[in-house]
Amino acid sequence: MRFSLSAPIVLFFLCTFPVILAHNNEDPTIKTMEDFSGYPIHESHSHLSSLSVDAQSLQKQIDELSTFSDTPAPSVTRILYSEKDVLARRFIKNLMGLSGLSVREDAVGNIFGRWEGSNPELSAVATGSHIDAIPYSGKYDGVVGVLGAIEAINVLIRSGFKPKRSLEVIMFTSEEPTRFGISCLGSRLMAGIEALVEALKTTVDGQNISFLDASHSAGYTKDHNDVSSVFLKKGSYSAFVELHIEQGPILEEEGIPIGIVTAIAAPASIRVEFQGNGGHAGAVLMPNRNDAGLAAAELALAVERHVLESGSIDTVGTVGILELHPGAINSIPSKSHLEIDTRDIDEERRNIVIEKIHQSAISIATKRGVSLSEFKIINQDPPALSEKSILDAMEASSKELDLTQKLMISRAYHDSLFMARISPMGMIFIPCYRGYSHKPEEYSSIQDISNGVKVLALTLAKLSLQ
């Protein structure tokens, strides 16, 4: 066989891409080779193999990582800077090293594993996700995007591919808000959010441990000046692609293996507190009560009402935390605490809902004779749109691998939401059982994970050669 391009590139494509014959008998795999190389290839090859994922090892790694948990299997609980989190980080760094990646960490524990490209002066292509897990959750959320990213690099290494742009796997610190109430902490800081640096100076967890003390105990920040060192300049990466379970039922229900995310919904978090008088549950008559618990209950229903009033299925709202003080069956609540999550792909529509919730809180407090002691918007982030060039690369990769794909939005937020402020962004979804997530029943088959890894690997290869 005779070719017009260099041997390493030929070897990569001969070993990785399947043959898919078009209606005109043109092999699109050969066309891809020609597009990348800039030279024509005149012979077809009927024995090209598909990308090779080591599914057995990948599943074993997922299972092993799940053992770093503060709750028993099948649940996973892995909280930021806890002992289990530190052990899990060590596990990830070891896997990166075994893959030949150059490993480093920043001041808050974002972990980077880099495969140097032939033109290292070019901005790198990045991929990755998170491994922290909310209490009693599952073992696939975020993890598939970290371990799957390392395996995608391994796939390309085994194939003989040589990247032009460097490829970098990122494990983000604290995508979940569990400990300090701040979601996507690592990627927010990478995006250069100055207000967060200031907020972290006074942020404490439920045990009144400061962020700085917790971080220091895990071997990270020494002082507040370290935190701003995490900032990255816009353009630090040429592209970022995140592989993730869908966390919804659409792909599984429709029997589609790959979701290509076009946009990530805009999330907002609100903290609300009502202060009432309290009293004995038997002695204080109903007309004389100033019940902070009922004020909270009424606001929770108002959240549902205002979300539905938007008229859009893309508007959602959740009262995920509702706490009453003193919390005794025979005591009228004197204080209530709510935390509200609302999100939409339309930022203006979401903000209208937030304002309606605020007005309802004021009205409810007046009507029930309680005070609205706090109404604080914790975060109010804009949506993020996927870059067309990355969408094209993901879609082309899926087609070349003969995997059906569906364009969709992500109603859950991810680190990609903030990476979009640094570089062009895209996301790949894979199906998960019944859409379950953030619970022990969360599950994706190794076949679906392998499909996602293949699409990710091929997408990274395309973006690296641009």
Protein backbone atom coordinates (compact mmCIF):
# COMPACT_ATOMS: atom_id res chain seq x y z
CA MET A 1 0.00 0.00 0.00
CA ARG A 2 1.28 3.46 -0.91
CA PHE A 3 0.45 6.70 0.92
CA SER A 4 1.30 10.34 0.48
CA LEU A 5 1.50 11.31 4.17
CA SER A 6 3.84 10.56 7.03
CA ALA A 7 3.90 7.15 8.68
CA PRO A 8 2.80 8.16 12.22
CA ILE A 9 -0.37 9.87 10.98
CA VAL A 10 -1.13 6.92 8.71
CA LEU A 11 -0.67 4.51 11.59
CA PHE A 12 -3.03 6.54 13.78
CA PHE A 13 -5.85 6.53 11.31
CA LEU A 14 -5.35 2.93 10.19
CA CYS A 15 -5.57 1.77 13.79
CA THR A 16 -8.43 3.88 15.00
CA PHE A 17 -11.29 4.67 12.64
CA PRO A 18 -14.05 2.35 11.41
CA VAL A 19 -15.00 1.97 7.79
CA ILE A 20 -18.34 3.54 7.02
CA LEU A 21 -19.20 3.41 3.33
CA ALA A 22 -21.20 6.32 1.99
CA HIS A 23 -23.87 6.00 -0.69
CA ASN A 24 -21.42 7.01 -3.36
CA ASN A 25 -18.95 4.33 -2.16
CA GLU A 26 -16.61 7.01 -0.82
CA ASP A 27 -15.08 5.98 2.50
CA PRO A 28 -15.56 8.94 4.89
CA THR A 29 -12.69 7.64 7.04
CA ILE A 30 -10.35 8.20 4.10
CA LYS A 31 -11.91 11.62 3.62
CA THR A 32 -11.13 12.47 7.26
CA MET A 33 -7.54 11.34 6.71
CA GLU A 34 -7.30 13.55 3.66
CA ASP A 35 -8.84 16.51 5.51
CA PHE A 36 -6.31 16.22 8.35
CA SER A 37 -3.28 15.56 6.15
CA GLY A 38 -4.00 17.86 3.24
CA TYR A 39 -3.01 15.07 0.82
CA PRO A 40 -5.21 12.73 -1.26
CA ILE A 41 -5.36 9.03 -0.45
CA HIS A 42 -6.46 6.93 -3.40
CA GLU A 43 -6.78 3.46 -1.90
CA SER A 44 -9.62 2.21 0.34
CA HIS A 45 -8.98 -0.03 3.35
CA SER A 46 -11.69 -2.49 4.36
CA HIS A 47 -9.93 -3.75 7.50
CA LEU A 48 -9.70 -0.57 9.59
CA SER A 49 -10.46 -1.26 13.27
CA SER A 50 -12.47 0.90 15.67
CA LEU A 51 -11.01 2.87 18.54
CA SER A 52 -9.93 0.51 21.32
CA VAL A 53 -11.14 1.31 24.84
CA ASP A 54 -9.88 -0.82 27.72
CA ALA A 55 -13.38 -1.17 29.15
CA GLN A 56 -12.43 -3.70 31.81
CA SER A 57 -9.74 -1.49 33.31
CA LEU A 58 -11.95 1.60 33.09
CA GLN A 59 -14.81 -0.08 34.97
CA LYS A 60 -12.35 -1.35 37.57
CA GLN A 61 -11.06 2.19 38.10
CA ILE A 62 -14.62 3.53 38.49
CA ASP A 63 -15.36 0.83 41.06
CA GLU A 64 -12.11 1.41 42.94
CA LEU A 65 -12.59 5.19 43.07
CA SER A 66 -16.06 4.64 44.56
CA THR A 67 -14.48 2.96 47.61
CA PHE A 68 -13.05 6.34 48.69
CA SER A 69 -16.33 7.21 50.38
CA ASP A 70 -17.61 8.24 53.81
CA THR A 71 -20.77 6.17 53.38
CA PRO A 72 -21.13 2.46 52.56
CA ALA A 73 -21.62 1.09 49.04
CA PRO A 74 -23.53 1.42 46.81
CA SER A 75 -23.67 5.07 47.88
CA VAL A 76 -20.71 7.43 47.49
CA THR A 77 -20.01 10.45 49.71
CA ARG A 78 -16.82 12.35 48.97
CA ILE A 79 -16.69 15.85 50.41
CA LEU A 80 -14.16 18.54 49.51
CA TYR A 81 -10.83 18.28 51.40
CA SER A 82 -12.01 15.33 53.51
CA GLU A 83 -9.69 12.39 54.11
CA LYS A 84 -11.49 10.36 51.41
CA ASP A 85 -11.25 13.26 48.98
CA VAL A 86 -7.49 13.51 49.54
CA LEU A 87 -7.08 9.76 48.96
CA ALA A 88 -9.20 9.95 45.79
CA ARG A 89 -7.04 12.81 44.51
CA ARG A 90 -3.95 10.68 45.04
CA PHE A 91 -5.63 7.89 43.04
CA ILE A 92 -6.30 10.26 40.11
CA LYS A 93 -2.78 11.67 40.12
CA ASN A 94 -1.37 8.15 40.08
CA LEU A 95 -3.50 7.20 37.05
CA MET A 96 -2.39 10.34 35.23
CA GLY A 97 1.22 9.49 35.94
CA LEU A 98 0.79 5.90 34.75
CA SER A 99 -0.53 7.30 31.46
CA GLY A 100 2.65 9.32 31.05
CA LEU A 101 1.00 12.67 31.73
CA SER A 102 2.86 15.54 33.36
CA VAL A 103 0.93 16.19 36.59
CA ARG A 104 0.57 19.44 38.53
CA GLU A 105 -1.90 20.98 40.99
CA ASP A 106 -2.90 24.58 41.63
CA ALA A 107 -3.45 26.32 44.97
CA VAL A 108 -6.98 24.97 45.56
CA GLY A 109 -6.34 21.46 44.26
CA ASN A 110 -7.43 21.55 40.63
CA ILE A 111 -5.35 18.72 39.13
CA PHE A 112 -3.87 18.86 35.62
CA GLY A 113 -2.37 16.03 33.57
CA ARG A 114 -0.74 17.17 30.31
CA TRP A 115 0.30 15.25 27.21
CA GLU A 116 2.74 17.56 25.44
CA GLY A 117 1.99 18.17 21.77
CA SER A 118 4.43 18.63 18.91
CA ASN A 119 3.72 22.40 19.05
CA PRO A 120 3.62 23.01 22.82
CA GLU A 121 3.63 26.78 22.35
CA LEU A 122 0.05 26.52 21.01
CA SER A 123 -2.78 26.71 23.54
CA ALA A 124 -3.77 23.21 24.66
CA VAL A 125 -7.04 21.33 24.24
CA ALA A 126 -8.50 20.43 27.64
CA THR A 127 -10.99 17.90 28.94
CA GLY A 128 -12.09 16.77 32.39
CA SER A 129 -14.69 16.95 35.14
CA HIS A 130 -14.92 16.40 38.92
CA ILE A 131 -14.84 13.53 41.41
CA ASP A 132 -16.38 15.05 44.56
CA ALA A 133 -19.75 13.52 45.42
CA ILE A 134 -22.68 14.83 47.48
CA PRO A 135 -23.83 12.67 50.42
CA TYR A 136 -25.28 9.30 49.44
CA SER A 137 -24.85 9.81 45.70
CA GLY A 138 -23.59 7.49 42.95
CA LYS A 139 -20.23 6.66 41.41
CA TYR A 140 -20.58 7.98 37.84
CA ASP A 141 -21.41 11.72 38.09
CA GLY A 142 -18.25 13.63 37.16
CA VAL A 143 -16.11 10.50 37.52
CA VAL A 144 -16.88 9.37 33.95
CA GLY A 145 -15.52 12.71 32.71
CA VAL A 146 -12.24 12.33 34.64
CA LEU A 147 -11.46 8.63 34.32
CA GLY A 148 -13.00 8.62 30.83
CA ALA A 149 -10.74 11.52 29.84
CA ILE A 150 -7.63 9.69 31.05
CA GLU A 151 -8.75 6.62 29.10
CA ALA A 152 -9.38 8.77 26.00
CA ILE A 153 -5.75 9.88 26.21
CA ASN A 154 -4.71 6.22 26.59
CA VAL A 155 -6.75 5.34 23.49
CA LEU A 156 -4.88 7.93 21.45
CA ILE A 157 -1.50 6.91 22.87
CA ARG A 158 -2.15 3.24 22.04
CA SER A 159 -3.13 4.21 18.52
CA GLY A 160 0.19 5.97 17.89
CA PHE A 161 -1.44 9.38 17.51
CA LYS A 162 0.82 12.39 18.06
CA PRO A 163 -1.03 15.57 19.11
CA LYS A 164 -0.13 18.89 17.60
CA ARG A 165 -1.65 20.93 20.41
CA SER A 166 -1.03 19.56 23.88
CA LEU A 167 -3.92 17.65 25.46
CA GLU A 168 -4.70 18.26 29.13
CA VAL A 169 -6.97 16.37 31.54
CA ILE A 170 -8.36 18.47 34.42
CA MET A 171 -9.88 17.23 37.66
CA PHE A 172 -11.78 20.21 39.03
CA THR A 173 -12.02 20.95 42.74
CA SER A 174 -15.49 20.92 44.30
CA GLU A 175 -18.01 21.02 41.49
CA GLU A 176 -20.60 20.18 44.13
CA PRO A 177 -21.57 22.89 46.68
CA THR A 178 -21.84 20.41 49.57
CA ARG A 179 -19.27 21.72 52.02
CA PHE A 180 -19.05 25.49 51.50
CA GLY A 181 -22.22 26.19 49.51
CA ILE A 182 -20.25 27.18 46.39
CA SER A 183 -20.73 25.11 43.25
CA CYS A 184 -17.93 24.70 40.68
CA LEU A 185 -15.47 26.29 43.08
CA GLY A 186 -12.35 25.23 41.19
CA SER A 187 -13.55 26.21 37.71
CA ARG A 188 -15.06 29.48 38.99
CA LEU A 189 -11.65 30.45 40.33
CA MET A 190 -9.94 29.36 37.11
CA ALA A 191 -12.35 31.69 35.29
CA GLY A 192 -11.02 34.57 37.39
CA ILE A 193 -14.06 35.49 39.49
CA GLU A 194 -12.61 38.10 41.87
CA ALA A 195 -15.70 38.23 44.10
CA LEU A 196 -15.20 34.57 44.97
CA VAL A 197 -11.68 35.23 46.26
CA GLU A 198 -13.11 37.81 48.65
CA ALA A 199 -16.00 35.55 49.68
CA LEU A 200 -13.64 32.68 50.49
CA LYS A 201 -11.87 34.83 53.08
CA THR A 202 -14.93 34.55 55.35
CA THR A 203 -16.51 31.31 54.11
CA VAL A 204 -16.98 28.54 56.69
CA ASP A 205 -18.62 25.12 56.57
CA GLY A 206 -21.32 23.66 58.83
CA GLN A 207 -18.72 22.94 61.53
CA ASN A 208 -17.44 26.52 61.38
CA ILE A 209 -14.20 25.43 59.68
CA SER A 210 -12.95 28.10 57.31
CA PHE A 211 -12.25 27.38 53.66
CA LEU A 212 -8.62 28.35 54.13
CA ASP A 213 -8.15 26.02 57.11
CA ALA A 214 -9.83 23.12 55.30
CA SER A 215 -7.78 23.71 52.17
CA HIS A 216 -4.57 23.96 54.17
CA SER A 217 -5.33 20.71 56.00
CA ALA A 218 -5.53 18.98 52.62
CA GLY A 219 -2.14 20.40 51.61
CA TYR A 220 -3.26 23.37 49.52
CA THR A 221 -3.61 27.15 50.02
CA LYS A 222 -1.20 28.67 52.51
CA ASP A 223 -2.79 32.13 52.47
CA HIS A 224 -5.50 34.11 50.68
CA ASN A 225 -3.02 35.38 48.08
CA ASP A 226 -2.64 31.81 46.83
CA VAL A 227 -6.31 31.65 45.79
CA SER A 228 -6.03 34.27 43.05
CA SER A 229 -3.05 32.39 41.59
CA VAL A 230 -5.60 29.88 40.28
CA PHE A 231 -6.92 32.44 37.75
CA LEU A 232 -6.37 31.62 34.07
CA LYS A 233 -6.33 34.10 31.22
CA LYS A 234 -8.97 33.89 28.52
CA GLY A 235 -7.54 31.78 25.70
CA SER A 236 -5.40 29.63 28.00
CA TYR A 237 -6.99 26.68 26.20
CA SER A 238 -8.05 26.50 22.56
CA ALA A 239 -10.98 24.25 23.46
CA PHE A 240 -12.54 22.42 26.40
CA VAL A 241 -14.70 19.29 26.06
CA GLU A 242 -16.40 17.57 29.00
CA LEU A 243 -17.73 14.00 28.96
CA HIS A 244 -20.62 13.45 31.39
CA ILE A 245 -23.59 11.24 32.15
CA GLU A 246 -26.79 12.94 31.03
CA GLN A 247 -28.39 13.00 34.51
CA GLY A 248 -31.72 12.81 32.71
CA PRO A 249 -33.72 10.09 30.93
CA ILE A 250 -33.86 11.35 27.33
CA LEU A 251 -30.97 9.43 25.74
CA GLU A 252 -31.92 6.14 27.39
CA GLU A 253 -35.61 6.49 26.50
CA GLU A 254 -34.83 7.28 22.88
CA GLY A 255 -32.09 4.65 22.55
CA ILE A 256 -29.48 7.23 21.48
CA PRO A 257 -25.88 6.63 22.65
CA ILE A 258 -24.48 10.16 22.36
CA GLY A 259 -25.83 13.57 23.34
CA ILE A 260 -24.16 16.68 21.97
CA VAL A 261 -24.78 19.61 24.31
CA THR A 262 -25.55 22.91 22.62
CA ALA A 263 -26.08 25.01 25.78
CA ILE A 264 -25.89 24.85 29.57
CA ALA A 265 -28.75 26.39 31.55
CA ALA A 266 -28.14 29.45 33.71
CA PRO A 267 -28.25 28.50 37.41
CA ALA A 268 -29.02 30.71 40.38
CA SER A 269 -29.04 29.95 44.11
CA ILE A 270 -30.99 31.91 46.73
CA ARG A 271 -30.78 31.78 50.54
CA VAL A 272 -33.86 32.91 52.50
CA GLU A 273 -34.55 33.19 56.23
CA PHE A 274 -37.76 34.12 58.07
CA GLN A 275 -37.80 35.11 61.77
CA GLY A 276 -40.96 34.57 63.82
CA ASN A 277 -41.88 34.46 67.51
CA GLY A 278 -42.09 30.74 68.20
CA GLY A 279 -43.86 29.43 71.29
CA HIS A 280 -45.55 26.38 72.75
CA ALA A 281 -47.51 24.32 70.22
CA GLY A 282 -50.45 23.95 72.60
CA ALA A 283 -50.51 27.26 74.41
CA VAL A 284 -50.29 29.79 71.56
CA LEU A 285 -53.64 30.06 69.76
CA MET A 286 -53.71 30.04 65.97
CA PRO A 287 -54.76 33.69 65.48
CA ASN A 288 -51.80 34.82 67.60
CA ARG A 289 -49.04 32.94 65.83
CA ASN A 290 -46.16 34.30 63.78
CA ASP A 291 -45.05 30.96 62.36
CA ALA A 292 -41.76 31.11 60.43
CA GLY A 293 -42.28 27.51 59.30
CA LEU A 294 -45.56 28.30 57.54
CA ALA A 295 -43.92 31.31 55.88
CA ALA A 296 -41.26 28.95 54.49
CA ALA A 297 -43.88 26.45 53.33
CA GLU A 298 -45.83 29.18 51.57
CA LEU A 299 -42.70 30.47 49.83
CA ALA A 300 -41.82 26.94 48.67
CA LEU A 301 -45.20 26.72 46.95
CA ALA A 302 -44.69 30.22 45.51
CA VAL A 303 -41.42 29.04 43.92
CA GLU A 304 -43.31 26.28 42.11
CA ARG A 305 -46.04 28.70 41.02
CA HIS A 306 -43.66 31.33 39.63
CA VAL A 307 -41.64 28.73 37.71
CA LEU A 308 -44.78 27.34 36.09
CA GLU A 309 -45.97 30.87 35.27
CA SER A 310 -42.94 31.29 33.00
CA GLY A 311 -44.67 29.07 30.45
CA SER A 312 -41.43 27.35 29.51
CA ILE A 313 -40.49 23.75 30.19
CA ASP A 314 -36.87 24.93 30.43
CA THR A 315 -37.59 26.95 33.61
CA VAL A 316 -37.15 24.93 36.80
CA GLY A 317 -37.07 25.70 40.50
CA THR A 318 -36.33 23.62 43.59
CA VAL A 319 -36.40 24.22 47.32
CA GLY A 320 -33.62 21.78 48.16
CA ILE A 321 -33.12 22.83 51.79
CA LEU A 322 -35.83 23.79 54.31
CA GLU A 323 -34.78 23.89 57.97
CA LEU A 324 -36.88 24.86 60.98
CA HIS A 325 -35.71 26.07 64.39
CA PRO A 326 -35.88 24.80 67.09
CA GLY A 327 -37.03 21.64 65.30
CA ALA A 328 -39.26 20.15 68.02
CA ILE A 329 -42.70 18.66 67.41
CA ASN A 330 -44.28 20.68 70.19
CA SER A 331 -42.67 24.01 69.35
CA ILE A 332 -43.83 26.61 66.83
CA PRO A 333 -40.92 27.36 64.48
CA SER A 334 -39.30 30.66 65.38
CA LYS A 335 -36.91 30.61 62.44
CA SER A 336 -36.88 29.01 58.99
CA HIS A 337 -34.10 28.67 56.46
CA LEU A 338 -34.60 27.88 52.76
CA GLU A 339 -32.16 27.41 49.89
CA ILE A 340 -33.67 27.71 46.45
CA ASP A 341 -32.25 26.63 43.10
CA THR A 342 -33.71 28.04 39.91
CA ARG A 343 -32.35 27.77 36.39
CA ASP A 344 -33.22 28.32 32.74
CA ILE A 345 -31.46 28.48 29.40
CA ASP A 346 -32.95 31.99 29.10
CA GLU A 347 -31.19 34.26 31.61
CA GLU A 348 -33.77 37.05 31.47
CA ARG A 349 -36.67 34.64 32.06
CA ARG A 350 -34.85 33.11 35.03
CA ASN A 351 -34.17 36.54 36.52
CA ILE A 352 -37.86 37.43 36.27
CA VAL A 353 -38.66 34.29 38.30
CA ILE A 354 -36.07 35.32 40.92
CA GLU A 355 -37.66 38.74 41.28
CA LYS A 356 -41.12 37.20 41.65
CA ILE A 357 -39.81 34.89 44.38
CA HIS A 358 -38.34 37.93 46.16
CA GLN A 359 -41.63 39.83 46.01
CA SER A 360 -43.52 36.80 47.30
CA ALA A 361 -41.10 36.47 50.22
CA ILE A 362 -41.73 40.13 51.17
CA SER A 363 -45.50 39.70 50.87
CA ILE A 364 -45.57 36.44 52.86
CA ALA A 365 -43.50 37.98 55.66
CA THR A 366 -45.90 40.92 55.94
CA LYS A 367 -49.02 38.75 55.86
CA ARG A 368 -47.76 36.30 58.50
CA GLY A 369 -46.19 38.86 60.80
CA VAL A 370 -42.67 37.51 60.49
CA SER A 371 -39.53 39.27 59.36
CA LEU A 372 -37.66 38.45 56.17
CA SER A 373 -34.27 38.44 57.85
CA GLU A 374 -32.34 37.33 54.75
CA PHE A 375 -32.92 37.13 51.02
CA LYS A 376 -29.55 36.64 49.39
CA ILE A 377 -28.72 35.61 45.84
CA ILE A 378 -25.68 33.38 46.32
CA ASN A 379 -24.93 33.05 42.63
CA GLN A 380 -26.66 34.19 39.45
CA ASP A 381 -24.68 32.85 36.54
CA PRO A 382 -25.32 33.35 32.81
CA PRO A 383 -25.92 30.39 30.48
CA ALA A 384 -23.14 29.07 28.27
CA LEU A 385 -23.34 28.16 24.59
CA SER A 386 -21.21 25.47 23.00
CA GLU A 387 -18.80 26.63 20.30
CA LYS A 388 -19.82 25.70 16.75
CA SER A 389 -16.39 24.34 15.83
CA ILE A 390 -16.50 21.99 18.82
CA LEU A 391 -20.09 20.98 18.05
CA ASP A 392 -18.98 20.15 14.52
CA ALA A 393 -16.05 18.08 15.80
CA MET A 394 -18.23 16.13 18.24
CA GLU A 395 -20.91 15.51 15.64
CA ALA A 396 -18.40 14.44 13.00
CA SER A 397 -16.70 12.11 15.49
CA SER A 398 -20.00 10.47 16.40
CA LYS A 399 -20.87 9.91 12.76
CA GLU A 400 -17.45 8.50 11.91
CA LEU A 401 -17.86 6.06 14.80
CA ASP A 402 -21.33 5.13 13.53
CA LEU A 403 -22.94 6.37 16.76
CA THR A 404 -26.31 8.11 16.59
CA GLN A 405 -26.29 11.49 18.28
CA LYS A 406 -28.83 14.01 19.53
CA LEU A 407 -28.44 17.76 20.03
CA MET A 408 -29.64 18.72 23.50
CA ILE A 409 -29.29 21.27 26.30
CA SER A 410 -27.94 20.62 29.78
CA ARG A 411 -30.29 21.72 32.53
CA ALA A 412 -27.70 20.69 35.11
CA TYR A 413 -24.69 22.96 35.38
CA HIS A 414 -21.15 21.69 35.07
CA ASP A 415 -17.60 23.00 35.21
CA SER A 416 -18.00 23.60 31.47
CA LEU A 417 -20.24 26.54 32.37
CA PHE A 418 -17.20 28.40 33.73
CA MET A 419 -14.63 26.98 31.36
CA ALA A 420 -16.68 28.70 28.64
CA ARG A 421 -15.32 31.99 30.06
CA ILE A 422 -11.76 30.79 29.38
CA SER A 423 -12.09 28.95 26.06
CA PRO A 424 -14.57 27.61 23.50
CA MET A 425 -16.55 24.80 25.13
CA GLY A 426 -18.50 21.66 24.31
CA MET A 427 -20.00 18.69 26.18
CA ILE A 428 -20.69 15.04 25.37
CA PHE A 429 -23.52 13.25 27.17
CA ILE A 430 -23.99 9.50 27.53
CA PRO A 431 -27.15 7.72 28.75
CA CYS A 432 -27.69 6.85 32.41
CA TYR A 433 -30.21 4.44 33.88
CA ARG A 434 -33.67 6.11 34.12
CA GLY A 435 -31.89 9.45 34.28
CA TYR A 436 -30.93 8.74 37.89
CA SER A 437 -28.17 10.88 39.39
CA HIS A 438 -27.13 12.14 42.82
CA LYS A 439 -28.39 8.86 44.30
CA PRO A 440 -26.87 5.37 44.75
CA GLU A 441 -28.88 3.97 41.82
CA GLU A 442 -26.96 6.17 39.39
CA TYR A 443 -25.58 3.93 36.62
CA SER A 444 -24.17 3.99 33.10
CA SER A 445 -23.21 0.82 31.28
CA ILE A 446 -19.59 0.29 30.36
CA GLN A 447 -20.68 0.11 26.71
CA ASP A 448 -22.23 3.59 26.90
CA ILE A 449 -19.16 4.90 28.75
CA SER A 450 -16.86 3.37 26.13
CA ASN A 451 -18.88 5.02 23.35
CA GLY A 452 -18.46 8.36 25.09
CA VAL A 453 -14.72 7.81 25.51
CA LYS A 454 -14.36 7.01 21.81
CA VAL A 455 -16.21 10.17 20.78
CA LEU A 456 -14.16 12.20 23.24
CA ALA A 457 -10.87 10.70 22.00
CA LEU A 458 -11.66 11.39 18.36
CA THR A 459 -12.91 14.90 19.15
CA LEU A 460 -9.72 15.68 21.07
CA ALA A 461 -7.66 14.38 18.14
CA LYS A 462 -9.51 16.63 15.70
CA LEU A 463 -9.20 19.70 17.93
CA SER A 464 -5.52 18.99 18.64
CA LEU A 465 -4.69 19.03 14.93
CA GLN A 466 -6.45 22.35 14.26
